[in-house]
Protein backbone atom coordinates (compact mmCIF):
# COMPACT_ATOMS: atom_id res chain seq x y z
CA MET A 1 8.70 127.93 25.38
CA LYS A 2 9.64 127.79 29.35
CA SER A 3 8.77 124.23 30.65
CA THR A 4 6.77 123.66 33.30
CA LEU A 5 9.28 122.18 35.59
CA CYS A 6 11.22 125.33 35.12
CA GLN A 7 8.37 127.36 36.23
CA ILE A 8 7.85 125.22 38.83
CA GLU A 9 11.22 124.74 40.41
CA ASN A 10 11.63 128.70 40.00
CA GLY A 11 8.33 129.75 41.50
CA MET A 12 7.76 133.55 39.62
CA ASP A 13 11.74 133.90 38.05
CA ASP A 14 11.06 131.41 35.22
CA ARG A 15 14.95 131.85 34.46
CA CYS A 16 16.55 128.57 34.31
CA ASP A 17 19.59 126.41 33.74
CA GLU A 18 18.38 124.49 30.71
CA HIS A 19 16.78 125.82 27.63
CA THR A 20 13.89 124.74 25.60
CA PHE A 21 13.98 124.86 22.04
CA SER A 22 11.92 124.07 19.12
CA ILE A 23 12.39 123.28 15.17
CA GLU A 24 9.65 123.31 12.79
CA LEU A 25 10.27 122.75 8.78
CA LYS A 26 8.62 122.52 6.03
CA SER A 27 8.75 119.54 4.55
CA LYS A 28 10.46 116.17 5.82
CA ASN A 29 12.92 116.52 2.80
CA HIS A 30 14.64 119.68 4.68
CA VAL A 31 15.46 116.81 7.17
CA LYS A 32 19.34 115.12 7.03
CA ASN A 33 19.16 112.91 10.01
CA ILE A 34 17.30 112.19 13.49
CA THR A 35 19.14 109.58 15.16
CA LEU A 36 17.89 107.73 18.43
CA THR A 37 20.39 105.47 20.27
CA ASN A 38 19.31 103.09 22.45
CA LYS A 39 22.81 102.71 23.81
CA THR A 40 24.35 103.80 27.29
CA GLN A 41 25.22 107.35 25.91
CA ASN A 42 21.33 107.81 25.56
CA ARG A 43 22.14 110.85 22.81
CA ILE A 44 19.68 112.38 20.40
CA LEU A 45 20.95 113.87 16.73
CA LEU A 46 18.60 115.97 14.69
CA GLU A 47 20.08 117.28 11.64
CA GLY A 48 18.59 119.30 9.24
CA SER A 49 18.81 122.45 6.91
CA LEU A 50 16.73 125.87 8.22
CA GLY A 51 17.98 127.20 4.48
CA ARG A 52 19.13 130.78 3.96
CA LEU A 53 18.55 132.14 6.98
CA GLU A 54 15.54 135.41 6.34
CA GLU A 55 15.62 136.50 9.71
CA ILE A 56 16.85 137.03 13.31
CA THR A 57 14.68 138.12 15.65
CA LEU A 58 14.18 138.24 19.84
CA ILE A 59 10.76 138.11 20.84
CA GLU A 60 9.96 139.31 23.70
CA GLY A 61 13.74 139.69 25.02
CA ARG A 62 13.46 135.95 25.65
CA VAL A 63 12.74 133.74 22.76
CA MET A 64 15.74 133.55 19.87
CA GLU A 65 13.77 133.33 16.45
CA LEU A 66 15.79 132.24 13.34
CA LYS A 67 14.11 131.73 10.46
CA GLY A 68 14.91 130.08 7.01
CA ALA A 69 13.71 129.47 3.95
CA ASN A 70 13.18 125.68 4.83
CA GLY A 71 11.83 126.12 8.69
CA THR A 72 12.20 127.97 12.03
CA LEU A 73 14.37 127.11 15.19
CA ARG A 74 13.79 129.29 18.41
CA LEU A 75 15.75 128.96 21.28
CA ASP A 76 14.45 130.48 24.55
CA ILE A 77 17.31 132.94 26.05
CA TYR A 78 17.21 136.02 27.46
CA GLU A 79 18.82 138.91 25.91
CA ASP A 80 21.30 139.50 28.32
CA GLU A 81 22.32 135.78 28.34
CA LEU A 82 23.08 135.62 24.89
CA MET A 83 24.86 139.04 24.82
CA GLN A 84 27.04 137.22 27.43
CA LEU A 85 27.65 134.69 25.74
CA LEU A 86 28.12 135.91 22.45
CA LYS A 87 31.33 138.11 23.94
CA PRO A 88 34.87 137.01 23.16
CA LYS A 89 36.16 134.37 25.49
CA LYS A 90 39.20 136.05 27.48
CA LYS A 91 42.16 133.66 26.27
CA LYS A 92 43.95 132.10 29.78
CA PRO A 93 47.18 132.96 30.20
């Protein structure tokens, strides 16, 4: 799932600050909202329902996959990076 741009920029080490994702739904009925704006904010909003979560896996230590009754979400993220982000944040004094 790594983008070609990320691979080119980093050579053999394809770790990158950019994380790609994909969302595959079994039906357009599971899409709640897709918003593409022409305003200067240049934002995109995707909303939908994966349904009841059935499985969360880490494929080859680098792609997190959330499978739901209605579809699948995939995010390229290394296991060590995911674990670091899941750690509780220390409160600032």
